[in-house]
């Protein structure tokens, strides 16, 4: 199966919004992305190949916005090739995180 970069970006947005929207007390979400054009797919109501992600994102956002009328979301376009501080910070933090495997299997 081939995964397109748009699908990977939408999946990342989907996961991050899902996690952020479940935290009580959060009133705004900031999505920093280096491919801002991908975000238009979130609000695209036509039939398209990324609908699974857009429906999940929309569902999470609906719950988030219904929880408080003052809740908001911001999308920041931060192209990685510009080496802007927010991008460098997010890049550094995301690479710092070490994920431990829940299941391990010794290869023979």
PDB file of N, CA and C in Angstrom:
ATOM      1  N   UNK A   1       0.834  -1.168   0.000  1.00  0.00           N
ATOM      2  CA  UNK A   1       0.000   0.000   0.000  1.00  0.00           C
ATOM      3  C   UNK A   1       0.887   1.241   0.000  1.00  0.00           C
ATOM      4  N   UNK A   2       0.577   2.179  -0.859  1.00  0.00           N
ATOM      5  CA  UNK A   2       1.305   3.440  -0.899  1.00  0.00           C
ATOM      6  C   UNK A   2       0.592   4.477  -0.045  1.00  0.00           C
ATOM      7  N   UNK A   3       1.347   5.129   0.809  1.00  0.00           N
ATOM      8  CA  UNK A   3       0.810   6.211   1.638  1.00  0.00           C
ATOM      9  C   UNK A   3       1.301   7.519   1.051  1.00  0.00           C
ATOM     10  N   UNK A   4       0.375   8.386   0.685  1.00  0.00           N
ATOM     11  CA  UNK A   4       0.734   9.685   0.155  1.00  0.00           C
ATOM     12  C   UNK A   4       1.070  10.632   1.298  1.00  0.00           C
ATOM     13  N   UNK A   5       1.860  11.651   1.005  1.00  0.00           N
ATOM     14  CA  UNK A   5       2.234  12.598   2.049  1.00  0.00           C
ATOM     15  C   UNK A   5       1.007  13.311   2.609  1.00  0.00           C
ATOM     16  N   UNK A   6       0.005  13.566   1.781  1.00  0.00           N
ATOM     17  CA  UNK A   6      -1.215  14.204   2.266  1.00  0.00           C
ATOM     18  C   UNK A   6      -1.891  13.315   3.309  1.00  0.00           C
ATOM     19  N   UNK A   7      -1.948  12.031   3.026  1.00  0.00           N
ATOM     20  CA  UNK A   7      -2.572  11.103   3.965  1.00  0.00           C
ATOM     21  C   UNK A   7      -1.779  11.025   5.270  1.00  0.00           C
ATOM     22  N   UNK A   8      -0.464  11.031   5.169  1.00  0.00           N
ATOM     23  CA  UNK A   8       0.376  11.000   6.371  1.00  0.00           C
ATOM     24  C   UNK A   8       0.192  12.270   7.197  1.00  0.00           C
ATOM     25  N   UNK A   9       0.122  13.411   6.534  1.00  0.00           N
ATOM     26  CA  UNK A   9      -0.084  14.683   7.234  1.00  0.00           C
ATOM     27  C   UNK A   9      -1.456  14.698   7.910  1.00  0.00           C
ATOM     28  N   UNK A  10      -2.496  14.255   7.210  1.00  0.00           N
ATOM     29  CA  UNK A  10      -3.828  14.211   7.790  1.00  0.00           C
ATOM     30  C   UNK A  10      -3.888  13.254   8.976  1.00  0.00           C
ATOM     31  N   UNK A  11      -3.192  12.140   8.869  1.00  0.00           N
ATOM     32  CA  UNK A  11      -3.159  11.189   9.980  1.00  0.00           C
ATOM     33  C   UNK A  11      -2.489  11.820  11.201  1.00  0.00           C
ATOM     34  N   UNK A  12      -1.412  12.552  10.984  1.00  0.00           N
ATOM     35  CA  UNK A  12      -0.725  13.229  12.084  1.00  0.00           C
ATOM     36  C   UNK A  12      -1.633  14.282  12.720  1.00  0.00           C
ATOM     37  N   UNK A  13      -2.334  15.039  11.896  1.00  0.00           N
ATOM     38  CA  UNK A  13      -3.278  16.043  12.402  1.00  0.00           C
ATOM     39  C   UNK A  13      -4.393  15.348  13.182  1.00  0.00           C
ATOM     40  N   UNK A  14      -4.884  14.253  12.623  1.00  0.00           N
ATOM     41  CA  UNK A  14      -5.960  13.484  13.269  1.00  0.00           C
ATOM     42  C   UNK A  14      -5.535  13.020  14.662  1.00  0.00           C
ATOM     43  N   UNK A  15      -4.355  12.445  14.760  1.00  0.00           N
ATOM     44  CA  UNK A  15      -3.857  11.945  16.051  1.00  0.00           C
ATOM     45  C   UNK A  15      -3.664  13.076  17.050  1.00  0.00           C
ATOM     46  N   UNK A  16      -3.066  14.171  16.585  1.00  0.00           N
ATOM     47  CA  UNK A  16      -2.779  15.277  17.504  1.00  0.00           C
ATOM     48  C   UNK A  16      -4.058  15.953  17.987  1.00  0.00           C
ATOM     49  N   UNK A  17      -5.014  16.169  17.101  1.00  0.00           N
ATOM     50  CA  UNK A  17      -6.278  16.789  17.515  1.00  0.00           C
ATOM     51  C   UNK A  17      -7.044  15.856  18.437  1.00  0.00           C
ATOM     52  N   UNK A  18      -7.008  14.575  18.153  1.00  0.00           N
ATOM     53  CA  UNK A  18      -7.675  13.598  19.008  1.00  0.00           C
ATOM     54  C   UNK A  18      -7.108  13.650  20.426  1.00  0.00           C
ATOM     55  N   UNK A  19      -5.793  13.654  20.537  1.00  0.00           N
ATOM     56  CA  UNK A  19      -5.156  13.694  21.858  1.00  0.00           C
ATOM     57  C   UNK A  19      -5.409  15.018  22.564  1.00  0.00           C
ATOM     58  N   UNK A  20      -5.224  16.113  21.862  1.00  0.00           N
ATOM     59  CA  UNK A  20      -5.378  17.439  22.476  1.00  0.00           C
ATOM     60  C   UNK A  20      -6.816  17.690  22.909  1.00  0.00           C
ATOM     61  N   UNK A  21      -7.778  17.248  22.118  1.00  0.00           N
ATOM     62  CA  UNK A  21      -9.180  17.529  22.429  1.00  0.00           C
ATOM     63  C   UNK A  21      -9.676  16.742  23.634  1.00  0.00           C
ATOM     64  N   UNK A  22      -8.958  15.720  24.045  1.00  0.00           N
ATOM     65  CA  UNK A  22      -9.360  14.922  25.209  1.00  0.00           C
ATOM     66  C   UNK A  22      -8.831  15.486  26.525  1.00  0.00           C
ATOM     67  N   UNK A  23      -7.943  16.457  26.456  1.00  0.00           N
ATOM     68  CA  UNK A  23      -7.372  17.041  27.668  1.00  0.00           C
ATOM     69  C   UNK A  23      -8.330  18.098  28.199  1.00  0.00           C
ATOM     70  N   UNK A  24      -8.808  17.896  29.404  1.00  0.00           N
ATOM     71  CA  UNK A  24      -9.727  18.856  30.019  1.00  0.00           C
ATOM     72  C   UNK A  24      -8.992  20.160  30.295  1.00  0.00           C
ATOM     73  N   UNK A  25      -9.687  21.251  30.111  1.00  0.00           N
ATOM     74  CA  UNK A  25      -9.110  22.558  30.383  1.00  0.00           C
ATOM     75  C   UNK A  25      -8.435  23.191  29.181  1.00  0.00           C
ATOM     76  N   UNK A  26      -8.263  22.433  28.113  1.00  0.00           N
ATOM     77  CA  UNK A  26      -7.676  22.984  26.895  1.00  0.00           C
ATOM     78  C   UNK A  26      -8.731  23.842  26.199  1.00  0.00           C
ATOM     79  N   UNK A  27      -8.385  25.087  25.893  1.00  0.00           N
ATOM     80  CA  UNK A  27      -9.348  25.964  25.223  1.00  0.00           C
ATOM     81  C   UNK A  27      -8.942  26.280  23.787  1.00  0.00           C
ATOM     82  N   UNK A  28      -7.688  26.013  23.445  1.00  0.00           N
ATOM     83  CA  UNK A  28      -7.292  26.195  22.052  1.00  0.00           C
ATOM     84  C   UNK A  28      -6.231  25.173  21.672  1.00  0.00           C
ATOM     85  N   UNK A  29      -6.246  24.839  20.410  1.00  0.00           N
ATOM     86  CA  UNK A  29      -5.292  23.887  19.837  1.00  0.00           C
ATOM     87  C   UNK A  29      -4.541  24.620  18.743  1.00  0.00           C
ATOM     88  N   UNK A  30      -3.221  24.470  18.734  1.00  0.00           N
ATOM     89  CA  UNK A  30      -2.393  25.043  17.676  1.00  0.00           C
ATOM     90  C   UNK A  30      -1.753  23.883  16.918  1.00  0.00           C
ATOM     91  N   UNK A  31      -2.022  23.825  15.633  1.00  0.00           N
ATOM     92  CA  UNK A  31      -1.420  22.805  14.771  1.00  0.00           C
ATOM     93  C   UNK A  31      -0.347  23.504  13.950  1.00  0.00           C
ATOM     94  N   UNK A  32       0.900  23.104  14.167  1.00  0.00           N
ATOM     95  CA  UNK A  32       2.021  23.657  13.407  1.00  0.00           C
ATOM     96  C   UNK A  32       2.338  22.663  12.302  1.00  0.00           C
ATOM     97  N   UNK A  33       2.251  23.131  11.071  1.00  0.00           N
ATOM     98  CA  UNK A  33       2.387  22.222   9.936  1.00  0.00           C
ATOM     99  C   UNK A  33       3.214  22.889   8.837  1.00  0.00           C
ATOM    100  N   UNK A  34       3.993  22.092   8.160  1.00  0.00           N
ATOM    101  CA  UNK A  34       4.804  22.653   7.067  1.00  0.00           C
ATOM    102  C   UNK A  34       4.157  22.421   5.706  1.00  0.00           C
ATOM    103  N   UNK A  35       2.918  21.952   5.720  1.00  0.00           N
ATOM    104  CA  UNK A  35       2.167  21.736   4.474  1.00  0.00           C
ATOM    105  C   UNK A  35       0.739  22.223   4.707  1.00  0.00           C
ATOM    106  N   UNK A  36       0.575  23.529   4.837  1.00  0.00           N
ATOM    107  CA  UNK A  36      -0.716  24.112   5.193  1.00  0.00           C
ATOM    108  C   UNK A  36      -1.818  23.765   4.192  1.00  0.00           C
ATOM    109  N   UNK A  37      -1.437  23.499   2.952  1.00  0.00           N
ATOM    110  CA  UNK A  37      -2.440  23.142   1.941  1.00  0.00           C
ATOM    111  C   UNK A  37      -3.199  21.863   2.302  1.00  0.00           C
ATOM    112  N   UNK A  38      -2.606  21.018   3.129  1.00  0.00           N
ATOM    113  CA  UNK A  38      -3.244  19.766   3.534  1.00  0.00           C
ATOM    114  C   UNK A  38      -4.486  20.035   4.382  1.00  0.00           C
ATOM    115  N   UNK A  39      -4.465  21.125   5.143  1.00  0.00           N
ATOM    116  CA  UNK A  39      -5.578  21.398   6.055  1.00  0.00           C
ATOM    117  C   UNK A  39      -6.889  21.657   5.327  1.00  0.00           C
ATOM    118  N   UNK A  40      -6.827  22.052   4.070  1.00  0.00           N
ATOM    119  CA  UNK A  40      -8.077  22.282   3.324  1.00  0.00           C
ATOM    120  C   UNK A  40      -8.878  20.988   3.192  1.00  0.00           C
ATOM    121  N   UNK A  41      -8.208  19.851   3.222  1.00  0.00           N
ATOM    122  CA  UNK A  41      -8.906  18.568   3.114  1.00  0.00           C
ATOM    123  C   UNK A  41      -9.755  18.282   4.347  1.00  0.00           C
ATOM    124  N   UNK A  42      -9.391  18.857   5.480  1.00  0.00           N
ATOM    125  CA  UNK A  42     -10.153  18.630   6.710  1.00  0.00           C
ATOM    126  C   UNK A  42     -11.582  19.123   6.556  1.00  0.00           C
ATOM    127  N   UNK A  43     -11.736  20.230   5.867  1.00  0.00           N
ATOM    128  CA  UNK A  43     -13.047  20.861   5.755  1.00  0.00           C
ATOM    129  C   UNK A  43     -13.709  20.614   4.400  1.00  0.00           C
ATOM    130  N   UNK A  44     -13.158  19.697   3.636  1.00  0.00           N
ATOM    131  CA  UNK A  44     -13.695  19.346   2.323  1.00  0.00           C
ATOM    132  C   UNK A  44     -14.810  18.320   2.514  1.00  0.00           C
ATOM    133  N   UNK A  45     -16.044  18.692   2.210  1.00  0.00           N
ATOM    134  CA  UNK A  45     -17.187  17.794   2.410  1.00  0.00           C
ATOM    135  C   UNK A  45     -17.495  16.914   1.200  1.00  0.00           C
ATOM    136  N   UNK A  46     -16.732  17.096   0.128  1.00  0.00           N
ATOM    137  CA  UNK A  46     -16.953  16.245  -1.045  1.00  0.00           C
ATOM    138  C   UNK A  46     -16.371  14.853  -0.801  1.00  0.00           C
ATOM    139  N   UNK A  47     -16.713  13.933  -1.679  1.00  0.00           N
ATOM    140  CA  UNK A  47     -16.174  12.577  -1.571  1.00  0.00           C
ATOM    141  C   UNK A  47     -14.732  12.601  -2.066  1.00  0.00           C
ATOM    142  N   UNK A  48     -13.826  12.130  -1.212  1.00  0.00           N
ATOM    143  CA  UNK A  48     -12.419  12.066  -1.584  1.00  0.00           C
ATOM    144  C   UNK A  48     -11.739  10.933  -0.828  1.00  0.00           C
ATOM    145  N   UNK A  49     -10.550  10.602  -1.221  1.00  0.00           N
ATOM    146  CA  UNK A  49      -9.870   9.423  -0.676  1.00  0.00           C
ATOM    147  C   UNK A  49      -9.375   9.594   0.763  1.00  0.00           C
ATOM    148  N   UNK A  50      -9.458  10.790   1.308  1.00  0.00           N
ATOM    149  CA  UNK A  50      -8.970  11.028   2.667  1.00  0.00           C
ATOM    150  C   UNK A  50     -10.126  11.179   3.657  1.00  0.00           C
ATOM    151  N   UNK A  51     -11.325  10.790   3.256  1.00  0.00           N
ATOM    152  CA  UNK A  51     -12.513  11.000   4.082  1.00  0.00           C
ATOM    153  C   UNK A  51     -12.424  10.360   5.458  1.00  0.00           C
ATOM    154  N   UNK A  52     -11.801   9.225   5.566  1.00  0.00           N
ATOM    155  CA  UNK A  52     -11.686   8.559   6.864  1.00  0.00           C
ATOM    156  C   UNK A  52     -11.033   9.501   7.878  1.00  0.00           C
ATOM    157  N   UNK A  53      -9.976  10.165   7.448  1.00  0.00           N
ATOM    158  CA  UNK A  53      -9.283  11.094   8.345  1.00  0.00           C
ATOM    159  C   UNK A  53     -10.105  12.351   8.598  1.00  0.00           C
ATOM    160  N   UNK A  54     -10.705  12.894   7.547  1.00  0.00           N
ATOM    161  CA  UNK A  54     -11.455  14.139   7.720  1.00  0.00           C
ATOM    162  C   UNK A  54     -12.686  13.940   8.605  1.00  0.00           C
ATOM    163  N   UNK A  55     -13.332  12.796   8.495  1.00  0.00           N
ATOM    164  CA  UNK A  55     -14.490  12.510   9.343  1.00  0.00           C
ATOM    165  C   UNK A  55     -14.057  12.390  10.801  1.00  0.00           C
ATOM    166  N   UNK A  56     -12.966  11.701  11.047  1.00  0.00           N
ATOM    167  CA  UNK A  56     -12.467  11.554  12.423  1.00  0.00           C
ATOM    168  C   UNK A  56     -12.047  12.898  12.997  1.00  0.00           C
ATOM    169  N   UNK A  57     -11.359  13.708  12.203  1.00  0.00           N
ATOM    170  CA  UNK A  57     -10.936  15.038  12.656  1.00  0.00           C
ATOM    171  C   UNK A  57     -12.163  15.896  12.945  1.00  0.00           C
ATOM    172  N   UNK A  58     -13.126  15.896  12.051  1.00  0.00           N
ATOM    173  CA  UNK A  58     -14.343  16.685  12.234  1.00  0.00           C
ATOM    174  C   UNK A  58     -15.110  16.255  13.480  1.00  0.00           C
ATOM    175  N   UNK A  59     -15.172  14.971  13.717  1.00  0.00           N
ATOM    176  CA  UNK A  59     -15.852  14.454  14.901  1.00  0.00           C
ATOM    177  C   UNK A  59     -15.173  14.942  16.184  1.00  0.00           C
ATOM    178  N   UNK A  60     -13.859  14.861  16.211  1.00  0.00           N
ATOM    179  CA  UNK A  60     -13.118  15.338  17.386  1.00  0.00           C
ATOM    180  C   UNK A  60     -13.277  16.840  17.573  1.00  0.00           C
ATOM    181  N   UNK A  61     -13.228  17.583  16.476  1.00  0.00           N
ATOM    182  CA  UNK A  61     -13.390  19.034  16.577  1.00  0.00           C
ATOM    183  C   UNK A  61     -14.802  19.404  17.033  1.00  0.00           C
ATOM    184  N   UNK A  62     -15.800  18.678  16.553  1.00  0.00           N
ATOM    185  CA  UNK A  62     -17.180  18.952  16.970  1.00  0.00           C
ATOM    186  C   UNK A  62     -17.310  18.797  18.487  1.00  0.00           C
ATOM    187  N   UNK A  63     -16.762  17.706  19.035  1.00  0.00           N
ATOM    188  CA  UNK A  63     -16.810  17.486  20.484  1.00  0.00           C
ATOM    189  C   UNK A  63     -16.056  18.591  21.219  1.00  0.00           C
ATOM    190  N   UNK A  64     -14.899  18.968  20.699  1.00  0.00           N
ATOM    191  CA  UNK A  64     -14.079  20.012  21.305  1.00  0.00           C
ATOM    192  C   UNK A  64     -14.811  21.345  21.329  1.00  0.00           C
ATOM    193  N   UNK A  65     -15.422  21.730  20.211  1.00  0.00           N
ATOM    194  CA  UNK A  65     -16.129  23.007  20.133  1.00  0.00           C
ATOM    195  C   UNK A  65     -17.433  22.992  20.943  1.00  0.00           C
ATOM    196  N   UNK A  66     -18.098  21.856  21.008  1.00  0.00           N
ATOM    197  CA  UNK A  66     -19.333  21.758  21.781  1.00  0.00           C
ATOM    198  C   UNK A  66     -19.094  21.835  23.279  1.00  0.00           C
ATOM    199  N   UNK A  67     -17.895  21.497  23.713  1.00  0.00           N
ATOM    200  CA  UNK A  67     -17.564  21.537  25.137  1.00  0.00           C
ATOM    201  C   UNK A  67     -17.528  22.969  25.667  1.00  0.00           C
ATOM    202  N   UNK A  68     -17.112  23.913  24.810  1.00  0.00           N
ATOM    203  CA  UNK A  68     -17.005  25.305  25.238  1.00  0.00           C
ATOM    204  C   UNK A  68     -17.050  26.192  23.990  1.00  0.00           C
ATOM    205  N   UNK A  69     -17.907  27.184  24.032  1.00  0.00           N
ATOM    206  CA  UNK A  69     -18.046  28.088  22.880  1.00  0.00           C
ATOM    207  C   UNK A  69     -16.785  28.903  22.614  1.00  0.00           C
ATOM    208  N   UNK A  70     -15.919  29.031  23.600  1.00  0.00           N
ATOM    209  CA  UNK A  70     -14.688  29.808  23.435  1.00  0.00           C
ATOM    210  C   UNK A  70     -13.521  28.980  22.907  1.00  0.00           C
ATOM    211  N   UNK A  71     -13.705  27.678  22.750  1.00  0.00           N
ATOM    212  CA  UNK A  71     -12.622  26.838  22.226  1.00  0.00           C
ATOM    213  C   UNK A  71     -12.308  27.224  20.789  1.00  0.00           C
ATOM    214  N   UNK A  72     -11.043  27.110  20.423  1.00  0.00           N
ATOM    215  CA  UNK A  72     -10.639  27.459  19.057  1.00  0.00           C
ATOM    216  C   UNK A  72      -9.449  26.618  18.624  1.00  0.00           C
ATOM    217  N   UNK A  73      -9.230  26.615  17.324  1.00  0.00           N
ATOM    218  CA  UNK A  73      -8.090  25.904  16.740  1.00  0.00           C
ATOM    219  C   UNK A  73      -7.393  26.843  15.768  1.00  0.00           C
ATOM    220  N   UNK A  74      -6.081  26.761  15.753  1.00  0.00           N
ATOM    221  CA  UNK A  74      -5.266  27.585  14.863  1.00  0.00           C
ATOM    222  C   UNK A  74      -4.344  26.667  14.074  1.00  0.00           C
ATOM    223  N   UNK A  75      -4.175  26.988  12.803  1.00  0.00           N
ATOM    224  CA  UNK A  75      -3.232  26.264  11.955  1.00  0.00           C
ATOM    225  C   UNK A  75      -2.121  27.234  11.590  1.00  0.00           C
ATOM    226  N   UNK A  76      -0.915  26.915  11.990  1.00  0.00           N
ATOM    227  CA  UNK A  76       0.238  27.756  11.684  1.00  0.00           C
ATOM    228  C   UNK A  76       1.035  27.119  10.561  1.00  0.00           C
ATOM    229  N   UNK A  77       1.228  27.866   9.505  1.00  0.00           N
ATOM    230  CA  UNK A  77       2.068  27.413   8.398  1.00  0.00           C
ATOM    231  C   UNK A  77       3.507  27.728   8.760  1.00  0.00           C
ATOM    232  N   UNK A  78       4.289  26.695   8.925  1.00  0.00           N
ATOM    233  CA  UNK A  78       5.677  26.864   9.347  1.00  0.00           C
ATOM    234  C   UNK A  78       6.564  25.983   8.464  1.00  0.00           C
ATOM    235  N   UNK A  79       6.850  26.440   7.237  1.00  0.00           N
ATOM    236  CA  UNK A  79       7.650  25.618   6.312  1.00  0.00           C
ATOM    237  C   UNK A  79       8.995  25.221   6.919  1.00  0.00           C
ATOM    238  N   UNK A  80       9.285  23.942   6.868  1.00  0.00           N
ATOM    239  CA  UNK A  80      10.516  23.436   7.483  1.00  0.00           C
ATOM    240  C   UNK A  80      11.768  24.013   6.846  1.00  0.00           C
ATOM    241  N   UNK A  81      11.707  24.358   5.573  1.00  0.00           N
ATOM    242  CA  UNK A  81      12.901  24.884   4.910  1.00  0.00           C
ATOM    243  C   UNK A  81      13.240  26.309   5.345  1.00  0.00           C
ATOM    244  N   UNK A  82      12.316  26.992   6.030  1.00  0.00           N
ATOM    245  CA  UNK A  82      12.603  28.335   6.542  1.00  0.00           C
ATOM    246  C   UNK A  82      13.377  28.312   7.854  1.00  0.00           C
ATOM    247  N   UNK A  83      13.419  27.144   8.501  1.00  0.00           N
ATOM    248  CA  UNK A  83      14.137  26.979   9.772  1.00  0.00           C
ATOM    249  C   UNK A  83      13.634  27.963  10.828  1.00  0.00           C
ATOM    250  N   UNK A  84      12.310  28.173  10.882  1.00  0.00           N
ATOM    251  CA  UNK A  84      11.726  29.058  11.878  1.00  0.00           C
ATOM    252  C   UNK A  84      11.820  28.407  13.248  1.00  0.00           C
ATOM    253  N   UNK A  85      11.927  29.223  14.268  1.00  0.00           N
ATOM    254  CA  UNK A  85      12.066  28.717  15.635  1.00  0.00           C
ATOM    255  C   UNK A  85      10.964  27.732  16.026  1.00  0.00           C
ATOM    256  N   UNK A  86       9.660  28.051  15.780  1.00  0.00           N
ATOM    257  CA  UNK A  86       8.629  27.071  16.182  1.00  0.00           C
ATOM    258  C   UNK A  86       8.833  25.700  15.524  1.00  0.00           C
ATOM    259  N   UNK A  87       9.203  25.703  14.253  1.00  0.00           N
ATOM    260  CA  UNK A  87       9.419  24.425  13.580  1.00  0.00           C
ATOM    261  C   UNK A  87      10.612  23.691  14.171  1.00  0.00           C
ATOM    262  N   UNK A  88      11.707  24.411  14.400  1.00  0.00           N
ATOM    263  CA  UNK A  88      12.893  23.787  14.976  1.00  0.00           C
ATOM    264  C   UNK A  88      12.602  23.211  16.357  1.00  0.00           C
ATOM    265  N   UNK A  89      11.809  23.932  17.146  1.00  0.00           N
ATOM    266  CA  UNK A  89      11.453  23.465  18.476  1.00  0.00           C
ATOM    267  C   UNK A  89      10.617  22.193  18.409  1.00  0.00           C
ATOM    268  N   UNK A  90       9.590  22.199  17.562  1.00  0.00           N
ATOM    269  CA  UNK A  90       8.744  21.013  17.417  1.00  0.00           C
ATOM    270  C   UNK A  90       9.553  19.853  16.858  1.00  0.00           C
ATOM    271  N   UNK A  91      10.390  20.114  15.874  1.00  0.00           N
ATOM    272  CA  UNK A  91      11.233  19.078  15.283  1.00  0.00           C
ATOM    273  C   UNK A  91      12.148  18.469  16.341  1.00  0.00           C
ATOM    274  N   UNK A  92      12.764  19.309  17.138  1.00  0.00           N
ATOM    275  CA  UNK A  92      13.676  18.837  18.189  1.00  0.00           C
ATOM    276  C   UNK A  92      12.924  18.001  19.219  1.00  0.00           C
ATOM    277  N   UNK A  93      11.774  18.507  19.667  1.00  0.00           N
ATOM    278  CA  UNK A  93      10.999  17.794  20.684  1.00  0.00           C
ATOM    279  C   UNK A  93      10.479  16.460  20.163  1.00  0.00           C
ATOM    280  N   UNK A  94      10.036  16.424  18.909  1.00  0.00           N
ATOM    281  CA  UNK A  94       9.501  15.177  18.369  1.00  0.00           C
ATOM    282  C   UNK A  94      10.590  14.128  18.184  1.00  0.00           C
ATOM    283  N   UNK A  95      11.814  14.553  17.929  1.00  0.00           N
ATOM    284  CA  UNK A  95      12.911  13.598  17.782  1.00  0.00           C
ATOM    285  C   UNK A  95      13.462  13.164  19.129  1.00  0.00           C
ATOM    286  N   UNK A  96      13.234  13.984  20.154  1.00  0.00           N
ATOM    287  CA  UNK A  96      13.709  13.659  21.497  1.00  0.00           C
ATOM    288  C   UNK A  96      12.897  12.526  22.111  1.00  0.00           C
ATOM    289  N   UNK A  97      11.609  12.470  21.758  1.00  0.00           N
ATOM    290  CA  UNK A  97      10.711  11.474  22.327  1.00  0.00           C
ATOM    291  C   UNK A  97      11.119  10.077  21.880  1.00  0.00           C
ATOM    292  N   UNK A  98      11.351   9.212  22.837  1.00  0.00           N
ATOM    293  CA  UNK A  98      11.709   7.823  22.553  1.00  0.00           C
ATOM    294  C   UNK A  98      10.539   6.928  22.920  1.00  0.00           C
ATOM    295  N   UNK A  99      10.048   6.218  21.937  1.00  0.00           N
ATOM    296  CA  UNK A  99       8.906   5.353  22.178  1.00  0.00           C
ATOM    297  C   UNK A  99       9.397   3.965  22.552  1.00  0.00           C
ATOM    298  N   UNK A 100       8.891   3.454  23.659  1.00  0.00           N
ATOM    299  CA  UNK A 100       9.239   2.108  24.091  1.00  0.00           C
ATOM    300  C   UNK A 100       8.203   1.133  23.562  1.00  0.00           C
ATOM    301  N   UNK A 101       8.672   0.044  23.068  1.00  0.00           N
ATOM    302  CA  UNK A 101       7.778  -0.966  22.527  1.00  0.00           C
ATOM    303  C   UNK A 101       7.037  -1.664  23.654  1.00  0.00           C
ATOM    304  N   UNK A 102       5.734  -1.834  23.476  1.00  0.00           N
ATOM    305  CA  UNK A 102       4.931  -2.547  24.471  1.00  0.00           C
ATOM    306  C   UNK A 102       5.171  -4.042  24.311  1.00  0.00           C
ATOM    307  N   UNK A 103       5.230  -4.456  23.089  1.00  0.00           N
ATOM    308  CA  UNK A 103       5.483  -5.871  22.787  1.00  0.00           C
ATOM    309  C   UNK A 103       6.866  -5.989  22.178  1.00  0.00           C
ATOM    310  N   UNK A 104       7.623  -6.894  22.699  1.00  0.00           N
ATOM    311  CA  UNK A 104       8.939  -7.091  22.090  1.00  0.00           C
ATOM    312  C   UNK A 104       9.045  -8.546  21.668  1.00  0.00           C
ATOM    313  N   UNK A 105       9.826  -8.740  20.665  1.00  0.00           N
ATOM    314  CA  UNK A 105       9.990 -10.097  20.140  1.00  0.00           C
ATOM    315  C   UNK A 105      11.441 -10.261  19.758  1.00  0.00           C
ATOM    316  N   UNK A 106      12.050 -11.264  20.252  1.00  0.00           N
ATOM    317  CA  UNK A 106      13.438 -11.526  19.952  1.00  0.00           C
ATOM    318  C   UNK A 106      13.515 -12.224  18.597  1.00  0.00           C
ATOM    319  N   UNK A 107      14.319 -11.639  17.724  1.00  0.00           N
ATOM    320  CA  UNK A 107      14.502 -12.260  16.419  1.00  0.00           C
ATOM    321  C   UNK A 107      15.607 -13.303  16.492  1.00  0.00           C
ATOM    322  N   UNK A 108      15.378 -14.436  15.891  1.00  0.00           N
ATOM    323  CA  UNK A 108      16.376 -15.513  15.908  1.00  0.00           C
ATOM    324  C   UNK A 108      17.374 -15.352  14.816  1.00  0.00           C
TER     325      UNK A 108
END
